[in-house]
């Protein structure tokens, strides 16, 4: 039970980290949840690829699988494997680094 709760909590945090990466890196801080405005000038350096979409979709889908309660028809959710969680954290970190690097390169090219 404790391993299930800790894994669920960890995937919840991973989902939040993914959302922050979308706001701060992928969209270059142009849009913030619950923010009052959009910093349109920050969009100059933004490039979103099909690979970005796939990474975001896969990560959010997987995190949601563990974070949300399962419908009764689905049954109990599996216990997240700690090694798999480590891999998912590393995957998010690597994606963030890739997007951050691309953001910098795009900003230099457009300067």
N, C-alpha and C. Protein backbone atom coordinates (compact mmCIF):
# COMPACT_ATOMS: atom_id res chain seq x y z
N UNK A 1 0.82 -1.19 0.00
CA UNK A 1 0.00 0.00 0.00
C UNK A 1 0.87 1.26 0.00
N UNK A 2 1.90 1.28 0.83
CA UNK A 2 2.76 2.45 0.91
C UNK A 2 3.51 2.69 -0.39
N UNK A 3 4.00 1.62 -1.03
CA UNK A 3 4.70 1.74 -2.30
C UNK A 3 3.77 2.31 -3.37
N UNK A 4 2.52 1.87 -3.37
CA UNK A 4 1.53 2.38 -4.32
C UNK A 4 1.31 3.88 -4.10
N UNK A 5 1.16 4.29 -2.84
CA UNK A 5 0.93 5.71 -2.52
C UNK A 5 2.13 6.57 -2.90
N UNK A 6 3.32 6.09 -2.57
CA UNK A 6 4.53 6.85 -2.90
C UNK A 6 4.71 6.96 -4.41
N UNK A 7 4.46 5.88 -5.13
CA UNK A 7 4.57 5.90 -6.58
C UNK A 7 3.54 6.84 -7.20
N UNK A 8 2.33 6.79 -6.68
CA UNK A 8 1.28 7.68 -7.16
C UNK A 8 1.65 9.13 -6.92
N UNK A 9 2.16 9.42 -5.74
CA UNK A 9 2.59 10.78 -5.40
C UNK A 9 3.73 11.23 -6.31
N UNK A 10 4.67 10.32 -6.56
CA UNK A 10 5.82 10.66 -7.41
C UNK A 10 5.36 10.97 -8.84
N UNK A 11 4.44 10.18 -9.37
CA UNK A 11 3.95 10.45 -10.72
C UNK A 11 3.12 11.73 -10.76
N UNK A 12 2.45 12.05 -9.68
CA UNK A 12 1.75 13.33 -9.61
C UNK A 12 2.73 14.49 -9.69
N UNK A 13 3.84 14.37 -8.99
CA UNK A 13 4.86 15.41 -9.03
C UNK A 13 5.54 15.48 -10.40
N UNK A 14 5.73 14.30 -11.00
CA UNK A 14 6.32 14.26 -12.33
C UNK A 14 5.41 14.95 -13.34
N UNK A 15 4.12 14.76 -13.18
CA UNK A 15 3.15 15.44 -14.06
C UNK A 15 3.25 16.96 -13.88
N UNK A 16 3.32 17.41 -12.64
CA UNK A 16 3.47 18.85 -12.39
C UNK A 16 4.78 19.38 -12.99
N UNK A 17 5.84 18.60 -12.87
CA UNK A 17 7.12 19.02 -13.44
C UNK A 17 7.01 19.11 -14.97
N UNK A 18 6.28 18.18 -15.56
CA UNK A 18 6.07 18.23 -17.01
C UNK A 18 5.30 19.48 -17.42
N UNK A 19 4.28 19.82 -16.65
CA UNK A 19 3.50 21.03 -16.94
C UNK A 19 4.38 22.27 -16.83
N UNK A 20 5.24 22.30 -15.82
CA UNK A 20 6.15 23.45 -15.67
C UNK A 20 7.13 23.53 -16.82
N UNK A 21 7.61 22.37 -17.30
CA UNK A 21 8.51 22.36 -18.46
C UNK A 21 7.82 22.92 -19.69
N UNK A 22 6.56 22.60 -19.86
CA UNK A 22 5.81 23.13 -21.00
C UNK A 22 5.73 24.66 -20.89
N UNK A 23 5.38 25.15 -19.72
CA UNK A 23 5.25 26.60 -19.51
C UNK A 23 6.58 27.33 -19.65
N UNK A 24 7.57 26.86 -18.91
CA UNK A 24 8.81 27.60 -18.76
C UNK A 24 9.80 27.39 -19.91
N UNK A 25 9.83 26.19 -20.46
CA UNK A 25 10.83 25.89 -21.48
C UNK A 25 10.19 25.82 -22.86
N UNK A 26 9.27 24.90 -23.06
CA UNK A 26 8.69 24.72 -24.40
C UNK A 26 8.05 26.00 -24.91
N UNK A 27 7.29 26.68 -24.05
CA UNK A 27 6.63 27.92 -24.45
C UNK A 27 7.41 29.16 -24.00
N UNK A 28 8.64 28.96 -23.52
CA UNK A 28 9.57 30.03 -23.18
C UNK A 28 8.98 31.05 -22.19
N UNK A 29 8.12 30.59 -21.30
CA UNK A 29 7.54 31.49 -20.31
C UNK A 29 6.49 32.44 -20.86
N UNK A 30 6.05 32.21 -22.09
CA UNK A 30 5.07 33.10 -22.71
C UNK A 30 3.70 32.95 -22.07
N UNK A 31 3.39 31.76 -21.60
CA UNK A 31 2.08 31.47 -21.03
C UNK A 31 2.29 30.76 -19.70
N UNK A 32 1.57 31.20 -18.69
CA UNK A 32 1.63 30.55 -17.38
C UNK A 32 0.22 30.21 -16.93
N UNK A 33 0.07 29.01 -16.38
CA UNK A 33 -1.23 28.65 -15.82
C UNK A 33 -1.63 29.70 -14.80
N UNK A 34 -2.85 30.06 -14.82
CA UNK A 34 -3.42 31.01 -13.88
C UNK A 34 -2.82 32.41 -14.01
N UNK A 35 -2.04 32.64 -15.07
CA UNK A 35 -1.47 33.96 -15.30
C UNK A 35 -2.50 34.88 -15.93
N UNK A 36 -2.23 36.16 -15.85
CA UNK A 36 -3.19 37.14 -16.36
C UNK A 36 -2.92 37.53 -17.80
N UNK A 37 -1.74 37.26 -18.29
CA UNK A 37 -1.43 37.70 -19.65
C UNK A 37 -0.57 36.70 -20.39
N UNK A 38 -0.29 37.05 -21.63
CA UNK A 38 0.58 36.25 -22.48
C UNK A 38 1.71 37.16 -22.94
N UNK A 39 2.94 36.71 -22.77
CA UNK A 39 4.11 37.48 -23.20
C UNK A 39 4.44 37.07 -24.64
N UNK A 40 3.75 37.69 -25.58
CA UNK A 40 3.85 37.26 -26.97
C UNK A 40 5.26 37.39 -27.54
N UNK A 41 6.05 38.34 -27.06
CA UNK A 41 7.41 38.49 -27.58
C UNK A 41 8.28 37.27 -27.27
N UNK A 42 7.96 36.56 -26.21
CA UNK A 42 8.72 35.36 -25.85
C UNK A 42 8.46 34.21 -26.81
N UNK A 43 7.41 34.31 -27.59
CA UNK A 43 7.09 33.25 -28.56
C UNK A 43 8.03 33.24 -29.76
N UNK A 44 8.81 34.30 -29.94
CA UNK A 44 9.75 34.37 -31.07
C UNK A 44 10.69 33.18 -31.12
N UNK A 45 11.10 32.71 -29.98
CA UNK A 45 12.08 31.62 -29.91
C UNK A 45 11.44 30.24 -29.80
N UNK A 46 10.14 30.18 -29.79
CA UNK A 46 9.45 28.91 -29.55
C UNK A 46 9.33 28.11 -30.85
N UNK A 47 9.76 26.88 -30.77
CA UNK A 47 9.57 25.91 -31.85
C UNK A 47 9.02 24.64 -31.20
N UNK A 48 7.87 24.21 -31.62
CA UNK A 48 7.27 22.99 -31.08
C UNK A 48 7.22 21.97 -32.21
N UNK A 49 7.84 20.82 -31.98
CA UNK A 49 7.91 19.79 -33.01
C UNK A 49 6.90 18.68 -32.72
N UNK A 50 6.73 17.82 -33.70
CA UNK A 50 5.87 16.65 -33.51
C UNK A 50 6.45 15.76 -32.42
N UNK A 51 7.77 15.68 -32.32
CA UNK A 51 8.39 14.90 -31.24
C UNK A 51 8.06 15.48 -29.87
N UNK A 52 8.03 16.81 -29.78
CA UNK A 52 7.65 17.45 -28.51
C UNK A 52 6.24 17.02 -28.13
N UNK A 53 5.34 17.10 -29.10
CA UNK A 53 3.96 16.70 -28.83
C UNK A 53 3.90 15.26 -28.33
N UNK A 54 4.60 14.37 -29.01
CA UNK A 54 4.58 12.95 -28.61
C UNK A 54 5.14 12.76 -27.20
N UNK A 55 6.24 13.46 -26.88
CA UNK A 55 6.84 13.36 -25.54
C UNK A 55 5.87 13.86 -24.47
N UNK A 56 5.27 15.01 -24.71
CA UNK A 56 4.33 15.58 -23.75
C UNK A 56 3.12 14.67 -23.58
N UNK A 57 2.57 14.22 -24.68
CA UNK A 57 1.38 13.37 -24.63
C UNK A 57 1.67 12.06 -23.89
N UNK A 58 2.78 11.42 -24.23
CA UNK A 58 3.14 10.14 -23.58
C UNK A 58 3.38 10.34 -22.09
N UNK A 59 4.12 11.38 -21.73
CA UNK A 59 4.43 11.63 -20.33
C UNK A 59 3.20 11.95 -19.50
N UNK A 60 2.34 12.81 -20.03
CA UNK A 60 1.13 13.19 -19.30
C UNK A 60 0.16 12.02 -19.20
N UNK A 61 0.05 11.25 -20.27
CA UNK A 61 -0.84 10.08 -20.25
C UNK A 61 -0.38 9.08 -19.20
N UNK A 62 0.91 8.81 -19.19
CA UNK A 62 1.44 7.83 -18.23
C UNK A 62 1.30 8.34 -16.79
N UNK A 63 1.65 9.60 -16.57
CA UNK A 63 1.53 10.15 -15.21
C UNK A 63 0.08 10.11 -14.74
N UNK A 64 -0.83 10.43 -15.64
CA UNK A 64 -2.26 10.43 -15.28
C UNK A 64 -2.74 9.03 -14.93
N UNK A 65 -2.16 8.03 -15.57
CA UNK A 65 -2.55 6.64 -15.31
C UNK A 65 -2.33 6.29 -13.83
N UNK A 66 -1.25 6.78 -13.27
CA UNK A 66 -0.95 6.47 -11.88
C UNK A 66 -1.56 7.48 -10.91
N UNK A 67 -1.73 8.70 -11.37
CA UNK A 67 -2.16 9.76 -10.47
C UNK A 67 -3.66 9.71 -10.17
N UNK A 68 -4.46 9.38 -11.16
CA UNK A 68 -5.91 9.42 -11.00
C UNK A 68 -6.47 8.07 -10.57
N UNK A 69 -7.61 8.10 -9.90
CA UNK A 69 -8.27 6.86 -9.50
C UNK A 69 -8.74 6.10 -10.72
N UNK A 70 -8.66 4.80 -10.65
CA UNK A 70 -9.13 3.96 -11.75
C UNK A 70 -10.64 3.80 -11.64
N UNK A 71 -11.27 3.72 -12.79
CA UNK A 71 -12.70 3.43 -12.81
C UNK A 71 -12.89 2.00 -12.32
N UNK A 72 -14.06 1.71 -11.76
CA UNK A 72 -14.29 0.38 -11.20
C UNK A 72 -14.17 -0.70 -12.27
N UNK A 73 -14.48 -0.38 -13.52
CA UNK A 73 -14.38 -1.37 -14.59
C UNK A 73 -12.93 -1.72 -14.88
N UNK A 74 -12.01 -0.78 -14.62
CA UNK A 74 -10.59 -1.00 -14.90
C UNK A 74 -9.95 -1.82 -13.79
N UNK A 75 -10.39 -1.61 -12.60
CA UNK A 75 -9.80 -2.31 -11.46
C UNK A 75 -8.66 -1.51 -10.87
N UNK A 76 -7.90 -2.15 -10.00
CA UNK A 76 -6.79 -1.48 -9.32
C UNK A 76 -5.68 -1.11 -10.28
N UNK A 77 -5.13 0.06 -10.08
CA UNK A 77 -4.00 0.47 -10.89
C UNK A 77 -2.76 -0.32 -10.47
N UNK A 78 -1.84 -0.51 -11.41
CA UNK A 78 -0.61 -1.22 -11.04
C UNK A 78 0.25 -0.35 -10.12
N UNK A 79 1.11 -0.99 -9.38
CA UNK A 79 2.06 -0.25 -8.54
C UNK A 79 3.18 0.23 -9.46
N UNK A 80 3.48 1.51 -9.45
CA UNK A 80 4.56 2.01 -10.30
C UNK A 80 5.89 1.36 -9.92
N UNK A 81 6.62 0.91 -10.91
CA UNK A 81 7.93 0.30 -10.70
C UNK A 81 8.95 1.42 -10.47
N UNK A 82 9.72 1.35 -9.39
CA UNK A 82 10.69 2.42 -9.09
C UNK A 82 11.70 2.66 -10.21
N UNK A 83 12.17 1.60 -10.86
CA UNK A 83 13.13 1.76 -11.96
C UNK A 83 12.47 2.47 -13.15
N UNK A 84 11.23 2.12 -13.42
CA UNK A 84 10.50 2.76 -14.50
C UNK A 84 10.27 4.25 -14.19
N UNK A 85 9.98 4.53 -12.94
CA UNK A 85 9.82 5.92 -12.52
C UNK A 85 11.11 6.69 -12.74
N UNK A 86 12.25 6.10 -12.35
CA UNK A 86 13.54 6.75 -12.58
C UNK A 86 13.77 7.02 -14.06
N UNK A 87 13.40 6.07 -14.91
CA UNK A 87 13.55 6.25 -16.36
C UNK A 87 12.64 7.38 -16.86
N UNK A 88 11.44 7.46 -16.33
CA UNK A 88 10.51 8.51 -16.74
C UNK A 88 11.00 9.89 -16.31
N UNK A 89 11.59 9.96 -15.13
CA UNK A 89 12.17 11.22 -14.66
C UNK A 89 13.34 11.63 -15.56
N UNK A 90 14.19 10.67 -15.89
CA UNK A 90 15.34 10.94 -16.76
C UNK A 90 14.86 11.35 -18.16
N UNK A 91 13.79 10.75 -18.63
CA UNK A 91 13.24 11.08 -19.95
C UNK A 91 12.75 12.53 -19.98
N UNK A 92 12.04 12.94 -18.92
CA UNK A 92 11.57 14.32 -18.84
C UNK A 92 12.75 15.28 -18.77
N UNK A 93 13.76 14.95 -18.01
CA UNK A 93 14.94 15.79 -17.87
C UNK A 93 15.66 15.94 -19.21
N UNK A 94 15.82 14.84 -19.93
CA UNK A 94 16.49 14.88 -21.23
C UNK A 94 15.69 15.70 -22.23
N UNK A 95 14.37 15.55 -22.21
CA UNK A 95 13.53 16.33 -23.13
C UNK A 95 13.65 17.82 -22.81
N UNK A 96 13.62 18.14 -21.53
CA UNK A 96 13.75 19.55 -21.12
C UNK A 96 15.08 20.13 -21.61
N UNK A 97 16.16 19.38 -21.47
CA UNK A 97 17.47 19.84 -21.92
C UNK A 97 17.47 20.06 -23.43
N UNK A 98 16.88 19.14 -24.18
CA UNK A 98 16.80 19.26 -25.64
C UNK A 98 16.03 20.50 -26.05
N UNK A 99 14.88 20.71 -25.43
CA UNK A 99 14.05 21.87 -25.77
C UNK A 99 14.74 23.16 -25.35
N UNK A 100 15.38 23.17 -24.20
CA UNK A 100 16.08 24.36 -23.71
C UNK A 100 17.22 24.73 -24.66
N UNK A 101 17.96 23.73 -25.12
CA UNK A 101 19.05 23.97 -26.07
C UNK A 101 18.50 24.54 -27.37
N UNK A 102 17.42 23.95 -27.88
CA UNK A 102 16.81 24.43 -29.12
C UNK A 102 16.31 25.86 -28.95
N UNK A 103 15.75 26.16 -27.80
CA UNK A 103 15.26 27.51 -27.52
C UNK A 103 16.40 28.52 -27.62
N UNK A 104 17.53 28.19 -27.03
CA UNK A 104 18.70 29.07 -27.09
C UNK A 104 19.21 29.25 -28.50
N UNK A 105 19.27 28.15 -29.25
CA UNK A 105 19.75 28.21 -30.63
C UNK A 105 18.80 29.04 -31.50
N UNK A 106 17.52 28.88 -31.30
CA UNK A 106 16.53 29.63 -32.07
C UNK A 106 16.63 31.12 -31.74
N UNK A 107 16.80 31.44 -30.47
CA UNK A 107 16.92 32.84 -30.05
C UNK A 107 18.15 33.48 -30.69
N UNK A 108 19.28 32.75 -30.73
CA UNK A 108 20.51 33.28 -31.35
C UNK A 108 20.31 33.50 -32.83
N UNK A 109 19.67 32.54 -33.48
CA UNK A 109 19.47 32.63 -34.93
C UNK A 109 18.56 33.80 -35.31
N UNK A 110 17.63 34.13 -34.44
CA UNK A 110 16.68 35.20 -34.74
C UNK A 110 17.14 36.56 -34.24
N UNK A 111 18.26 36.58 -33.53
CA UNK A 111 18.77 37.85 -32.98
C UNK A 111 19.48 38.68 -34.03
